[in-house]
Every structure is written in C-alpha cells, then in structure tokens.
Amino acid sequence: MKKALGAIVFLLLLFAAMPEQAAAQSKKRVVQFSGFVATGDSLYGVAGVSVYVPGTTRGTQSNEFGFFSVPVVAGDSVMFSALGYKKQYLIIPKTYSSESYSVIMQMQEDPTELPTVDVFPWPTERDFREAVANVRLPDEGRAMAMRNLDPERLEELFKTTPMDGAANFRVSQQQLMQQQQNRVMYPTISPFAIPALLNAIFKGNGN
C-alpha cells in the first residue's frame, strides 16, 4: 500500500514539474541572426562562409555577396568558418530580448603554405646528371642538331624570318623619324671640299 502511494506521489510530482520544464523551454527566445561577412577591414563580401551553431542543426552559408540570415536561440555560440580564413565565434547574449540580431563579421585570412615538393624521376641529382650525360642521339638527330647550329643557317633564318608586330612597328617608327629629319636637315659639306667647290664655281663663271 505504501509503495503504491509512493508511486502515485512520484507521478504527481513528475506531472507538476513538466509544466515548469516546458515553461523553461519556452523562455528560450528565438532570434533571427543576420549580417554581412567581409574580408578584414574591407567591405568585400565573402561568399560560402559557414555560419552555424556547433552541435545543432541551426546553420547556413553566406551568399555570393556575403550576406546571411539564420534563426538561432539566445545564448547560442555561433561559428564562422571558411577555407583560407580563421574561425570566428560570436555569442548571442542569453538575456537578449529582441527578435533580431545583426552583425558585420570581419574574417581574417589564414593562408596555408605547403612545403615545396620537387618531383624528380631519378633517385638523386647525380643519377640525373649521369643519365643526361649518357644520352646518345641517333645519327639523324645529331645531324639535324648540327645543321640547326650552323652559323650560316642561323644567319639565313634571321634574314628570312618575318618580323612580329612589335618589331614591325619599331622599324616603321624609325623610318618615319628618319624621313622627318631629312626634311629639316641641310646637307653637310666637308671643309676639305670647299676649295674644290670654289674652283669649280670660278671656272664656271670664267667660261
């Protein structure tokens, strides 16, 4: 009999506590958390930043312009994370009474530099040098290489190879400048040629 009374009392106390728990749950205020994610001190938006409350299903991502909006609960610790940036945290105050909360979150860059990797088909540099030194070109390839290195052949290629656009423009500018100089310049006469010129003039006048 006593056990039955004890069980009834326990159930009554449990049912009496349930409204209190429900009231406590109802006291958690839902806040519409929104804002803008920027890079450092600039106003350039960062797209694809994860904005979420760890351990819950509340979260979203910033759009292509850096804006976001997500419902959270007062007291939540919101995390901002993105590849190439340091993680940032923001806590919504438990006593926050408004229905909306807006921020401008400035993400700090966190570049990760990977060590340089040298891809080498030989175990050591010495093996590579020995392999290059031991390369044997076929007779046809050797003859072709020697022909390409022939000075006369190189000079012929230099003369017959057409100029590119930059070289053509440079030559045309040089020719234009030369023409302008020829228009304003007087022909120069060597001082040694003056006596012969005077003699020719006098002889012409004497005749």
N, C-alpha and C. Protein backbone atom coordinates (compact mmCIF):
# COMPACT_ATOMS: atom_id res chain seq x y z
N MET A 1 0.83 -1.20 0.00
CA MET A 1 0.00 0.00 0.00
C MET A 1 0.86 1.26 0.00
N LYS A 2 1.91 1.20 0.84
CA LYS A 2 2.81 2.35 0.93
C LYS A 2 3.54 2.56 -0.40
N LYS A 3 3.93 1.43 -1.06
CA LYS A 3 4.62 1.54 -2.35
C LYS A 3 3.73 2.18 -3.40
N ALA A 4 2.45 1.79 -3.39
CA ALA A 4 1.51 2.35 -4.35
C ALA A 4 1.33 3.85 -4.11
N LEU A 5 1.23 4.24 -2.81
CA LEU A 5 1.09 5.67 -2.51
C LEU A 5 2.34 6.44 -2.93
N GLY A 6 3.51 5.78 -2.71
CA GLY A 6 4.77 6.45 -3.12
C GLY A 6 4.84 6.66 -4.62
N ALA A 7 4.39 5.66 -5.38
CA ALA A 7 4.41 5.78 -6.84
C ALA A 7 3.46 6.87 -7.30
N ILE A 8 2.31 6.96 -6.67
CA ILE A 8 1.34 7.99 -7.06
C ILE A 8 1.88 9.38 -6.77
N VAL A 9 2.51 9.51 -5.58
CA VAL A 9 3.10 10.82 -5.23
C VAL A 9 4.20 11.20 -6.22
N PHE A 10 5.03 10.20 -6.62
CA PHE A 10 6.12 10.47 -7.57
C PHE A 10 5.56 10.93 -8.92
N LEU A 11 4.48 10.25 -9.37
CA LEU A 11 3.87 10.65 -10.65
C LEU A 11 3.27 12.04 -10.58
N LEU A 12 2.65 12.35 -9.43
CA LEU A 12 2.08 13.69 -9.29
C LEU A 12 3.16 14.76 -9.32
N LEU A 13 4.27 14.48 -8.63
CA LEU A 13 5.39 15.44 -8.65
C LEU A 13 5.98 15.58 -10.05
N LEU A 14 6.03 14.45 -10.78
CA LEU A 14 6.58 14.49 -12.15
C LEU A 14 5.70 15.33 -13.05
N PHE A 15 4.39 15.11 -12.96
CA PHE A 15 3.47 15.90 -13.79
C PHE A 15 3.49 17.37 -13.39
N ALA A 16 3.72 17.64 -12.12
CA ALA A 16 3.77 19.03 -11.66
C ALA A 16 5.03 19.72 -12.17
N ALA A 17 6.12 18.96 -12.32
CA ALA A 17 7.39 19.55 -12.79
C ALA A 17 7.41 19.75 -14.30
N MET A 18 6.62 18.97 -15.04
CA MET A 18 6.63 19.08 -16.50
C MET A 18 6.21 20.46 -16.99
N PRO A 19 5.17 21.09 -16.46
CA PRO A 19 4.85 22.45 -16.91
C PRO A 19 5.99 23.44 -16.65
N GLU A 20 6.72 23.24 -15.51
CA GLU A 20 7.84 24.13 -15.22
C GLU A 20 8.94 23.96 -16.26
N GLN A 21 9.22 22.68 -16.64
CA GLN A 21 10.24 22.45 -17.66
C GLN A 21 9.80 23.04 -19.01
N ALA A 22 8.53 22.86 -19.33
CA ALA A 22 8.03 23.42 -20.59
C ALA A 22 8.13 24.94 -20.58
N ALA A 23 7.86 25.53 -19.42
CA ALA A 23 7.97 26.98 -19.32
C ALA A 23 9.41 27.42 -19.47
N ALA A 24 10.33 26.61 -18.89
CA ALA A 24 11.75 26.95 -19.04
C ALA A 24 12.18 26.86 -20.49
N GLN A 25 11.67 25.82 -21.19
CA GLN A 25 11.99 25.70 -22.60
C GLN A 25 11.41 26.86 -23.41
N SER A 26 10.20 27.27 -23.00
CA SER A 26 9.56 28.35 -23.75
C SER A 26 10.27 29.67 -23.53
N LYS A 27 11.06 29.78 -22.45
CA LYS A 27 11.78 31.02 -22.18
C LYS A 27 12.92 31.24 -23.15
N LYS A 28 13.38 30.21 -23.86
CA LYS A 28 14.46 30.36 -24.84
C LYS A 28 13.92 31.14 -26.03
N ARG A 29 14.46 32.33 -26.18
CA ARG A 29 13.97 33.21 -27.22
C ARG A 29 14.67 32.91 -28.54
N VAL A 30 13.88 32.75 -29.60
CA VAL A 30 14.41 32.55 -30.93
C VAL A 30 14.73 33.91 -31.53
N VAL A 31 15.95 34.03 -32.04
CA VAL A 31 16.44 35.30 -32.59
C VAL A 31 16.81 35.08 -34.05
N GLN A 32 16.38 35.97 -34.91
CA GLN A 32 16.78 35.91 -36.33
C GLN A 32 18.13 36.60 -36.46
N PHE A 33 19.15 35.78 -36.62
CA PHE A 33 20.53 36.27 -36.68
C PHE A 33 20.91 36.49 -38.14
N SER A 34 21.29 37.70 -38.49
CA SER A 34 21.64 38.03 -39.87
C SER A 34 22.80 39.01 -39.86
N GLY A 35 23.42 39.15 -41.05
CA GLY A 35 24.54 40.09 -41.12
C GLY A 35 25.30 39.97 -42.43
N PHE A 36 26.52 40.49 -42.39
CA PHE A 36 27.37 40.59 -43.58
C PHE A 36 28.77 40.13 -43.20
N VAL A 37 29.36 39.27 -44.04
CA VAL A 37 30.71 38.75 -43.80
C VAL A 37 31.66 39.45 -44.75
N ALA A 38 32.67 40.13 -44.21
CA ALA A 38 33.62 40.89 -45.01
C ALA A 38 35.03 40.34 -44.82
N THR A 39 35.94 40.79 -45.69
CA THR A 39 37.34 40.38 -45.62
C THR A 39 38.13 41.43 -44.90
N GLY A 40 38.65 41.10 -43.72
CA GLY A 40 39.49 42.02 -42.98
C GLY A 40 38.80 43.34 -42.73
N ASP A 41 39.51 44.45 -43.06
CA ASP A 41 38.95 45.79 -42.87
C ASP A 41 38.25 46.32 -44.10
N SER A 42 38.14 45.49 -45.13
CA SER A 42 37.49 45.93 -46.36
C SER A 42 35.99 45.68 -46.30
N LEU A 43 35.32 46.09 -47.35
CA LEU A 43 33.88 45.86 -47.46
C LEU A 43 33.56 44.86 -48.56
N TYR A 44 34.53 44.03 -48.92
CA TYR A 44 34.30 42.98 -49.91
C TYR A 44 33.67 41.78 -49.23
N GLY A 45 32.51 41.36 -49.72
CA GLY A 45 31.82 40.24 -49.12
C GLY A 45 32.51 38.92 -49.41
N VAL A 46 32.39 38.00 -48.46
CA VAL A 46 32.98 36.67 -48.59
C VAL A 46 31.84 35.67 -48.78
N ALA A 47 31.84 34.98 -49.90
CA ALA A 47 30.77 34.01 -50.19
C ALA A 47 31.15 32.63 -49.65
N GLY A 48 30.14 31.84 -49.32
CA GLY A 48 30.36 30.46 -48.90
C GLY A 48 30.88 30.29 -47.50
N VAL A 49 30.71 31.28 -46.63
CA VAL A 49 31.14 31.15 -45.23
C VAL A 49 30.07 30.38 -44.45
N SER A 50 30.48 29.34 -43.74
CA SER A 50 29.54 28.55 -42.93
C SER A 50 29.25 29.30 -41.63
N VAL A 51 27.97 29.56 -41.39
CA VAL A 51 27.51 30.24 -40.17
C VAL A 51 26.59 29.26 -39.46
N TYR A 52 27.05 28.68 -38.35
CA TYR A 52 26.25 27.63 -37.71
C TYR A 52 26.57 27.56 -36.22
N VAL A 53 25.67 26.88 -35.50
CA VAL A 53 25.85 26.63 -34.07
C VAL A 53 26.36 25.21 -33.93
N PRO A 54 27.59 25.00 -33.46
CA PRO A 54 28.14 23.65 -33.34
C PRO A 54 27.26 22.76 -32.47
N GLY A 55 27.09 21.52 -32.93
CA GLY A 55 26.30 20.55 -32.19
C GLY A 55 24.82 20.64 -32.42
N THR A 56 24.38 21.51 -33.33
CA THR A 56 22.95 21.66 -33.63
C THR A 56 22.76 21.61 -35.14
N THR A 57 21.52 21.71 -35.54
CA THR A 57 21.20 21.75 -36.97
C THR A 57 20.94 23.17 -37.45
N ARG A 58 21.21 24.15 -36.59
CA ARG A 58 20.99 25.54 -36.96
C ARG A 58 22.23 26.07 -37.67
N GLY A 59 22.05 26.46 -38.92
CA GLY A 59 23.20 26.97 -39.67
C GLY A 59 22.82 27.33 -41.09
N THR A 60 23.72 28.06 -41.75
CA THR A 60 23.52 28.47 -43.13
C THR A 60 24.87 28.86 -43.71
N GLN A 61 24.86 29.42 -44.93
CA GLN A 61 26.06 29.91 -45.59
C GLN A 61 25.81 31.30 -46.13
N SER A 62 26.86 32.10 -46.18
CA SER A 62 26.73 33.43 -46.77
C SER A 62 26.55 33.31 -48.27
N ASN A 63 25.78 34.20 -48.85
CA ASN A 63 25.52 34.15 -50.29
C ASN A 63 26.68 34.76 -51.06
N GLU A 64 26.52 34.94 -52.37
CA GLU A 64 27.60 35.43 -53.21
C GLU A 64 28.03 36.84 -52.86
N PHE A 65 27.20 37.58 -52.14
CA PHE A 65 27.55 38.95 -51.74
C PHE A 65 28.03 39.03 -50.30
N GLY A 66 28.00 37.91 -49.57
CA GLY A 66 28.47 37.89 -48.19
C GLY A 66 27.39 38.02 -47.14
N PHE A 67 26.11 38.06 -47.55
CA PHE A 67 25.00 38.21 -46.60
C PHE A 67 24.51 36.83 -46.14
N PHE A 68 23.97 36.80 -44.91
CA PHE A 68 23.43 35.55 -44.36
C PHE A 68 22.29 35.89 -43.40
N SER A 69 21.47 34.88 -43.12
CA SER A 69 20.38 35.01 -42.16
C SER A 69 20.01 33.62 -41.68
N VAL A 70 19.94 33.43 -40.35
CA VAL A 70 19.65 32.11 -39.80
C VAL A 70 18.99 32.29 -38.43
N PRO A 71 17.98 31.48 -38.10
CA PRO A 71 17.38 31.55 -36.76
C PRO A 71 18.25 30.84 -35.73
N VAL A 72 18.49 31.51 -34.60
CA VAL A 72 19.26 30.93 -33.51
C VAL A 72 18.49 31.16 -32.21
N VAL A 73 19.08 30.67 -31.12
CA VAL A 73 18.47 30.82 -29.80
C VAL A 73 19.38 31.70 -28.96
N ALA A 74 18.79 32.56 -28.17
CA ALA A 74 19.57 33.41 -27.28
C ALA A 74 20.47 32.56 -26.40
N GLY A 75 21.76 32.89 -26.41
CA GLY A 75 22.74 32.10 -25.67
C GLY A 75 23.57 31.21 -26.56
N ASP A 76 23.22 31.08 -27.83
CA ASP A 76 23.98 30.24 -28.75
C ASP A 76 25.36 30.86 -29.04
N SER A 77 26.33 29.99 -29.28
CA SER A 77 27.65 30.40 -29.72
C SER A 77 27.75 30.07 -31.21
N VAL A 78 27.79 31.09 -32.04
CA VAL A 78 27.75 30.91 -33.49
C VAL A 78 29.19 30.93 -34.03
N MET A 79 29.47 29.97 -34.92
CA MET A 79 30.80 29.86 -35.51
C MET A 79 30.77 30.30 -36.96
N PHE A 80 31.80 31.03 -37.37
CA PHE A 80 32.01 31.42 -38.77
C PHE A 80 33.27 30.73 -39.25
N SER A 81 33.17 29.95 -40.31
CA SER A 81 34.35 29.24 -40.81
C SER A 81 34.30 29.19 -42.33
N ALA A 82 35.48 29.29 -42.93
CA ALA A 82 35.61 29.21 -44.39
C ALA A 82 37.06 28.84 -44.70
N LEU A 83 37.24 28.20 -45.83
CA LEU A 83 38.57 27.79 -46.25
C LEU A 83 39.42 29.02 -46.54
N GLY A 84 40.60 29.07 -45.93
CA GLY A 84 41.50 30.19 -46.13
C GLY A 84 41.31 31.31 -45.13
N TYR A 85 40.41 31.13 -44.15
CA TYR A 85 40.15 32.16 -43.14
C TYR A 85 40.17 31.53 -41.75
N LYS A 86 40.49 32.35 -40.75
CA LYS A 86 40.48 31.88 -39.38
C LYS A 86 39.03 31.77 -38.88
N LYS A 87 38.78 30.80 -38.02
CA LYS A 87 37.45 30.62 -37.46
C LYS A 87 37.14 31.76 -36.48
N GLN A 88 35.90 32.24 -36.55
CA GLN A 88 35.45 33.31 -35.68
C GLN A 88 34.22 32.83 -34.90
N TYR A 89 34.09 33.31 -33.67
CA TYR A 89 32.95 32.94 -32.81
C TYR A 89 32.22 34.20 -32.36
N LEU A 90 30.92 34.05 -32.21
CA LEU A 90 30.10 35.14 -31.69
C LEU A 90 28.99 34.53 -30.83
N ILE A 91 28.82 35.06 -29.63
CA ILE A 91 27.84 34.53 -28.68
C ILE A 91 26.64 35.47 -28.63
N ILE A 92 25.46 34.91 -28.84
CA ILE A 92 24.22 35.68 -28.68
C ILE A 92 23.92 35.76 -27.19
N PRO A 93 23.83 36.93 -26.60
CA PRO A 93 23.61 37.03 -25.14
C PRO A 93 22.33 36.30 -24.71
N LYS A 94 22.40 35.62 -23.58
CA LYS A 94 21.24 34.89 -23.07
C LYS A 94 20.10 35.84 -22.71
N THR A 95 20.46 37.03 -22.31
CA THR A 95 19.43 37.99 -21.89
C THR A 95 18.97 38.87 -23.04
N TYR A 96 19.35 38.52 -24.26
CA TYR A 96 18.96 39.33 -25.41
C TYR A 96 17.45 39.20 -25.61
N SER A 97 16.77 40.32 -25.67
CA SER A 97 15.30 40.30 -25.68
C SER A 97 14.70 40.64 -27.04
N SER A 98 15.51 41.12 -27.98
CA SER A 98 14.96 41.49 -29.27
C SER A 98 14.78 40.25 -30.15
N GLU A 99 14.03 40.41 -31.23
CA GLU A 99 13.76 39.28 -32.11
C GLU A 99 14.77 39.17 -33.26
N SER A 100 15.66 40.15 -33.40
CA SER A 100 16.65 40.12 -34.47
C SER A 100 17.99 40.60 -33.94
N TYR A 101 19.03 40.08 -34.58
CA TYR A 101 20.41 40.42 -34.17
C TYR A 101 21.24 40.51 -35.45
N SER A 102 21.88 41.66 -35.68
CA SER A 102 22.64 41.88 -36.92
C SER A 102 24.08 42.24 -36.59
N VAL A 103 25.00 41.72 -37.41
CA VAL A 103 26.43 41.98 -37.21
C VAL A 103 27.12 42.12 -38.56
N ILE A 104 28.32 42.68 -38.52
CA ILE A 104 29.26 42.67 -39.64
C ILE A 104 30.48 41.90 -39.16
N MET A 105 30.66 40.70 -39.67
CA MET A 105 31.75 39.84 -39.24
C MET A 105 32.94 40.01 -40.19
N GLN A 106 34.09 40.36 -39.62
CA GLN A 106 35.30 40.55 -40.40
C GLN A 106 36.17 39.31 -40.28
N MET A 107 36.31 38.61 -41.39
CA MET A 107 37.11 37.39 -41.42
C MET A 107 38.58 37.73 -41.66
N GLN A 108 39.46 37.06 -40.92
CA GLN A 108 40.90 37.26 -41.08
C GLN A 108 41.47 36.11 -41.91
N GLU A 109 42.24 36.47 -42.93
CA GLU A 109 42.81 35.46 -43.82
C GLU A 109 43.81 34.59 -43.07
N ASP A 110 43.82 33.33 -43.41
CA ASP A 110 44.74 32.37 -42.79
C ASP A 110 45.30 31.47 -43.89
N PRO A 111 46.21 32.02 -44.73
CA PRO A 111 46.74 31.21 -45.84
C PRO A 111 47.62 30.07 -45.32
N THR A 112 47.46 28.93 -45.93
CA THR A 112 48.26 27.76 -45.57
C THR A 112 49.28 27.51 -46.67
N GLU A 113 50.55 27.68 -46.34
CA GLU A 113 51.62 27.48 -47.30
C GLU A 113 52.14 26.06 -47.19
N LEU A 114 52.05 25.34 -48.29
CA LEU A 114 52.55 23.98 -48.32
C LEU A 114 54.03 23.98 -48.68
N PRO A 115 54.80 23.04 -48.15
CA PRO A 115 56.23 22.99 -48.49
C PRO A 115 56.42 22.65 -49.96
N THR A 116 57.53 23.14 -50.51
CA THR A 116 57.84 22.89 -51.91
C THR A 116 58.22 21.42 -52.11
N VAL A 117 57.63 20.84 -53.13
CA VAL A 117 57.89 19.43 -53.44
C VAL A 117 58.56 19.37 -54.81
N ASP A 118 59.75 18.81 -54.86
CA ASP A 118 60.48 18.63 -56.12
C ASP A 118 60.20 17.22 -56.65
N VAL A 119 59.57 17.18 -57.81
CA VAL A 119 59.28 15.90 -58.45
C VAL A 119 60.45 15.55 -59.35
N PHE A 120 61.11 14.43 -59.08
CA PHE A 120 62.32 14.05 -59.79
C PHE A 120 62.20 12.59 -60.22
N PRO A 121 62.42 12.30 -61.49
CA PRO A 121 62.28 10.91 -61.94
C PRO A 121 63.48 10.04 -61.58
N TRP A 122 64.53 10.63 -61.01
CA TRP A 122 65.70 9.85 -60.61
C TRP A 122 65.87 9.96 -59.10
N PRO A 123 66.45 8.95 -58.47
CA PRO A 123 66.59 8.98 -57.00
C PRO A 123 67.41 10.16 -56.51
N THR A 124 68.50 10.50 -57.23
CA THR A 124 69.36 11.59 -56.80
C THR A 124 69.70 12.48 -58.00
N GLU A 125 70.20 13.67 -57.71
CA GLU A 125 70.60 14.59 -58.77
C GLU A 125 71.80 14.03 -59.53
N ARG A 126 72.65 13.32 -58.84
CA ARG A 126 73.81 12.72 -59.51
C ARG A 126 73.38 11.72 -60.56
N ASP A 127 72.38 10.88 -60.26
CA ASP A 127 71.87 9.92 -61.25
C ASP A 127 71.27 10.64 -62.45
N PHE A 128 70.61 11.77 -62.19
CA PHE A 128 70.02 12.54 -63.28
C PHE A 128 71.11 13.09 -64.20
N ARG A 129 72.18 13.64 -63.64
CA ARG A 129 73.27 14.17 -64.46
C ARG A 129 73.93 13.07 -65.28
N GLU A 130 74.11 11.92 -64.68
CA GLU A 130 74.72 10.81 -65.41
C GLU A 130 73.83 10.35 -66.55
N ALA A 131 72.52 10.34 -66.33
CA ALA A 131 71.59 9.94 -67.38
C ALA A 131 71.62 10.92 -68.54
N VAL A 132 71.69 12.23 -68.23
CA VAL A 132 71.77 13.23 -69.29
C VAL A 132 73.08 13.12 -70.06
N ALA A 133 74.19 12.88 -69.33
CA ALA A 133 75.49 12.76 -69.99
C ALA A 133 75.57 11.53 -70.88
N ASN A 134 74.83 10.51 -70.56
CA ASN A 134 74.90 9.26 -71.32
C ASN A 134 73.88 9.18 -72.45
N VAL A 135 73.15 10.28 -72.68
CA VAL A 135 72.17 10.27 -73.76
C VAL A 135 72.90 10.20 -75.10
N ARG A 136 72.47 9.32 -75.95
CA ARG A 136 73.06 9.14 -77.26
C ARG A 136 72.00 9.44 -78.31
N LEU A 137 72.24 10.52 -79.05
CA LEU A 137 71.30 10.86 -80.11
C LEU A 137 71.56 10.00 -81.33
N PRO A 138 70.54 9.62 -82.07
CA PRO A 138 70.78 8.90 -83.33
C PRO A 138 71.49 9.79 -84.33
N ASP A 139 72.08 9.16 -85.33
CA ASP A 139 72.86 9.92 -86.32
C ASP A 139 72.01 10.98 -86.99
N GLU A 140 70.76 10.64 -87.32
CA GLU A 140 69.89 11.61 -87.98
C GLU A 140 69.61 12.80 -87.09
N GLY A 141 69.35 12.53 -85.80
CA GLY A 141 69.09 13.62 -84.88
C GLY A 141 70.31 14.48 -84.64
N ARG A 142 71.51 13.86 -84.58
CA ARG A 142 72.74 14.62 -84.39
C ARG A 142 73.00 15.51 -85.60
N ALA A 143 72.77 14.99 -86.79
CA ALA A 143 72.97 15.80 -87.99
C ALA A 143 72.00 16.97 -88.03
N MET A 144 70.78 16.74 -87.64
CA MET A 144 69.79 17.82 -87.62
C MET A 144 70.17 18.89 -86.60
N ALA A 145 70.68 18.44 -85.43
CA ALA A 145 71.09 19.40 -84.41
C ALA A 145 72.27 20.24 -84.88
N MET A 146 73.24 19.61 -85.52
CA MET A 146 74.40 20.35 -86.02
C MET A 146 73.98 21.32 -87.13
N ARG A 147 73.03 20.91 -87.96
CA ARG A 147 72.57 21.79 -89.03
C ARG A 147 71.85 23.01 -88.45
N ASN A 148 71.09 22.82 -87.37
CA ASN A 148 70.39 23.95 -86.75
C ASN A 148 71.36 24.92 -86.08
N LEU A 149 72.55 24.42 -85.68
CA LEU A 149 73.53 25.27 -85.03
C LEU A 149 74.53 25.87 -86.00
N ASP A 150 74.41 25.59 -87.29
CA ASP A 150 75.33 26.12 -88.28
C ASP A 150 75.17 27.65 -88.36
N PRO A 151 76.28 28.43 -88.28
CA PRO A 151 76.16 29.90 -88.31
C PRO A 151 75.49 30.42 -89.57
N GLU A 152 75.84 29.86 -90.72
CA GLU A 152 75.23 30.32 -91.96
C GLU A 152 73.73 30.05 -91.95
N ARG A 153 73.35 28.88 -91.43
CA ARG A 153 71.93 28.55 -91.34
C ARG A 153 71.20 29.51 -90.41
N LEU A 154 71.82 29.85 -89.29
CA LEU A 154 71.20 30.79 -88.35
C LEU A 154 71.06 32.17 -88.97
N GLU A 155 72.09 32.62 -89.72
CA GLU A 155 72.01 33.92 -90.37
C GLU A 155 70.91 33.95 -91.43
N GLU A 156 70.78 32.84 -92.16
CA GLU A 156 69.74 32.75 -93.18
C GLU A 156 68.35 32.80 -92.54
N LEU A 157 68.19 32.10 -91.43
CA LEU A 157 66.91 32.14 -90.73
C LEU A 157 66.61 33.53 -90.20
N PHE A 158 67.64 34.22 -89.71
CA PHE A 158 67.45 35.57 -89.18
C PHE A 158 66.99 36.54 -90.27
N LYS A 159 67.53 36.36 -91.48
CA LYS A 159 67.16 37.26 -92.57
C LYS A 159 65.78 36.96 -93.13
N THR A 160 65.41 35.69 -93.14
CA THR A 160 64.15 35.30 -93.78
C THR A 160 62.97 35.24 -92.82
N THR A 161 63.24 35.24 -91.52
CA THR A 161 62.14 35.16 -90.56
C THR A 161 61.40 36.49 -90.52
N PRO A 162 60.09 36.50 -90.73
CA PRO A 162 59.35 37.76 -90.72
C PRO A 162 59.31 38.37 -89.32
N MET A 163 59.21 39.69 -89.29
CA MET A 163 59.16 40.39 -88.01
C MET A 163 57.77 40.25 -87.39
N ASP A 164 57.76 40.29 -86.07
CA ASP A 164 56.46 40.28 -85.39
C ASP A 164 55.90 41.70 -85.37
N GLY A 165 54.76 41.87 -84.74
CA GLY A 165 54.10 43.17 -84.74
C GLY A 165 54.92 44.26 -84.06
N ALA A 166 55.54 43.92 -82.92
CA ALA A 166 56.32 44.92 -82.18
C ALA A 166 57.53 45.38 -82.99
N ALA A 167 58.25 44.41 -83.60
CA ALA A 167 59.43 44.77 -84.39
C ALA A 167 59.03 45.58 -85.62
N ASN A 168 57.94 45.21 -86.26
CA ASN A 168 57.47 45.95 -87.44
C ASN A 168 57.11 47.39 -87.08
N PHE A 169 56.46 47.58 -85.96
CA PHE A 169 56.11 48.93 -85.51
C PHE A 169 57.36 49.74 -85.19
N ARG A 170 58.35 49.10 -84.55
CA ARG A 170 59.57 49.80 -84.20
C ARG A 170 60.33 50.27 -85.45
N VAL A 171 60.42 49.40 -86.46
CA VAL A 171 61.12 49.76 -87.70
C VAL A 171 60.39 50.88 -88.42
N SER A 172 59.05 50.83 -88.45
CA SER A 172 58.29 51.87 -89.14
C SER A 172 58.46 53.22 -88.44
N GLN A 173 58.54 53.22 -87.11
CA GLN A 173 58.76 54.46 -86.38
C GLN A 173 60.14 55.03 -86.66
N GLN A 174 61.15 54.16 -86.75
CA GLN A 174 62.49 54.62 -87.07
C GLN A 174 62.55 55.23 -88.47
N GLN A 175 61.88 54.61 -89.43
CA GLN A 175 61.86 55.15 -90.79
C GLN A 175 61.14 56.49 -90.84
N LEU A 176 60.05 56.63 -90.10
CA LEU A 176 59.31 57.89 -90.08
C LEU A 176 60.15 59.01 -89.48
N MET A 177 60.86 58.73 -88.41
CA MET A 177 61.73 59.73 -87.80
C MET A 177 62.86 60.14 -88.74
N GLN A 178 63.41 59.16 -89.47
CA GLN A 178 64.47 59.47 -90.42
C GLN A 178 63.97 60.38 -91.54
N GLN A 179 62.75 60.12 -92.02
CA GLN A 179 62.18 60.97 -93.06
C GLN A 179 61.96 62.39 -92.56
N GLN A 180 61.51 62.56 -91.35
CA GLN A 180 61.30 63.89 -90.79
C GLN A 180 62.62 64.63 -90.62
N GLN A 181 63.65 63.93 -90.20
CA GLN A 181 64.96 64.56 -90.06
C GLN A 181 65.51 64.99 -91.42
N ASN A 182 65.30 64.19 -92.43
CA ASN A 182 65.80 64.53 -93.77
C ASN A 182 65.11 65.78 -94.32
N ARG A 183 63.86 66.01 -93.93
CA ARG A 183 63.14 67.18 -94.43
C ARG A 183 63.68 68.48 -93.86
N VAL A 184 64.12 68.48 -92.61
CA VAL A 184 64.53 69.72 -91.94
C VAL A 184 66.04 69.90 -91.91
N MET A 185 66.79 68.87 -92.25
CA MET A 185 68.25 68.96 -92.18
C MET A 185 68.81 69.40 -93.53
N TYR A 186 69.86 70.26 -93.48
CA TYR A 186 70.57 70.68 -94.68
C TYR A 186 71.77 69.76 -94.90
N PRO A 187 72.11 69.57 -96.15
CA PRO A 187 73.27 68.69 -96.40
C PRO A 187 74.54 69.31 -95.87
N THR A 188 75.35 68.50 -95.26
CA THR A 188 76.62 68.97 -94.70
C THR A 188 77.71 68.88 -95.75
N ILE A 189 78.63 69.90 -95.72
CA ILE A 189 79.74 69.95 -96.67
C ILE A 189 81.04 69.88 -95.88
N SER A 190 81.87 69.01 -96.26
CA SER A 190 83.15 68.86 -95.59
C SER A 190 84.01 70.09 -95.85
N PRO A 191 84.75 70.61 -94.87
CA PRO A 191 85.61 71.78 -95.09
C PRO A 191 86.69 71.53 -96.14
N PHE A 192 87.08 70.29 -96.31
CA PHE A 192 88.11 69.98 -97.31
C PHE A 192 87.56 70.08 -98.72
N ALA A 193 86.23 70.02 -98.86
CA ALA A 193 85.64 70.09 -100.20
C ALA A 193 85.34 71.52 -100.64
N ILE A 194 85.50 72.53 -99.72
CA ILE A 194 85.16 73.92 -100.07
C ILE A 194 86.09 74.48 -101.15
N PRO A 195 87.45 74.31 -101.08
CA PRO A 195 88.31 74.85 -102.16
C PRO A 195 87.97 74.30 -103.51
N ALA A 196 87.74 73.01 -103.60
CA ALA A 196 87.40 72.42 -104.89
C ALA A 196 86.08 72.97 -105.40
N LEU A 197 85.14 73.22 -104.49
CA LEU A 197 83.85 73.76 -104.89
C LEU A 197 84.00 75.20 -105.40
N LEU A 198 84.83 75.99 -104.74
CA LEU A 198 85.05 77.36 -105.19
C LEU A 198 85.73 77.41 -106.55
N ASN A 199 86.69 76.54 -106.75
CA ASN A 199 87.36 76.47 -108.05
C ASN A 199 86.38 76.14 -109.15
N ALA A 200 85.49 75.20 -108.87
CA ALA A 200 84.51 74.80 -109.87
C ALA A 200 83.59 75.97 -110.18
N ILE A 201 83.23 76.77 -109.15
CA ILE A 201 82.34 77.90 -109.38
C ILE A 201 83.01 78.96 -110.22
N PHE A 202 84.29 79.28 -109.87
CA PHE A 202 85.03 80.31 -110.62
C PHE A 202 85.26 79.89 -112.05
N LYS A 203 85.62 78.64 -112.23
CA LYS A 203 85.84 78.16 -113.58
C LYS A 203 84.56 78.26 -114.40
N GLY A 204 83.46 77.98 -113.78
CA GLY A 204 82.18 78.06 -114.48
C GLY A 204 81.88 79.50 -114.85
N ASN A 205 82.21 80.44 -113.97
CA ASN A 205 81.95 81.85 -114.27
C ASN A 205 82.90 82.37 -115.34
N GLY A 206 84.17 81.85 -115.32
CA GLY A 206 85.14 82.30 -116.32
C GLY A 206 84.78 81.84 -117.70
N ASN A 207 84.21 80.69 -117.80
CA ASN A 207 83.79 80.21 -119.12
C ASN A 207 82.60 80.98 -119.57
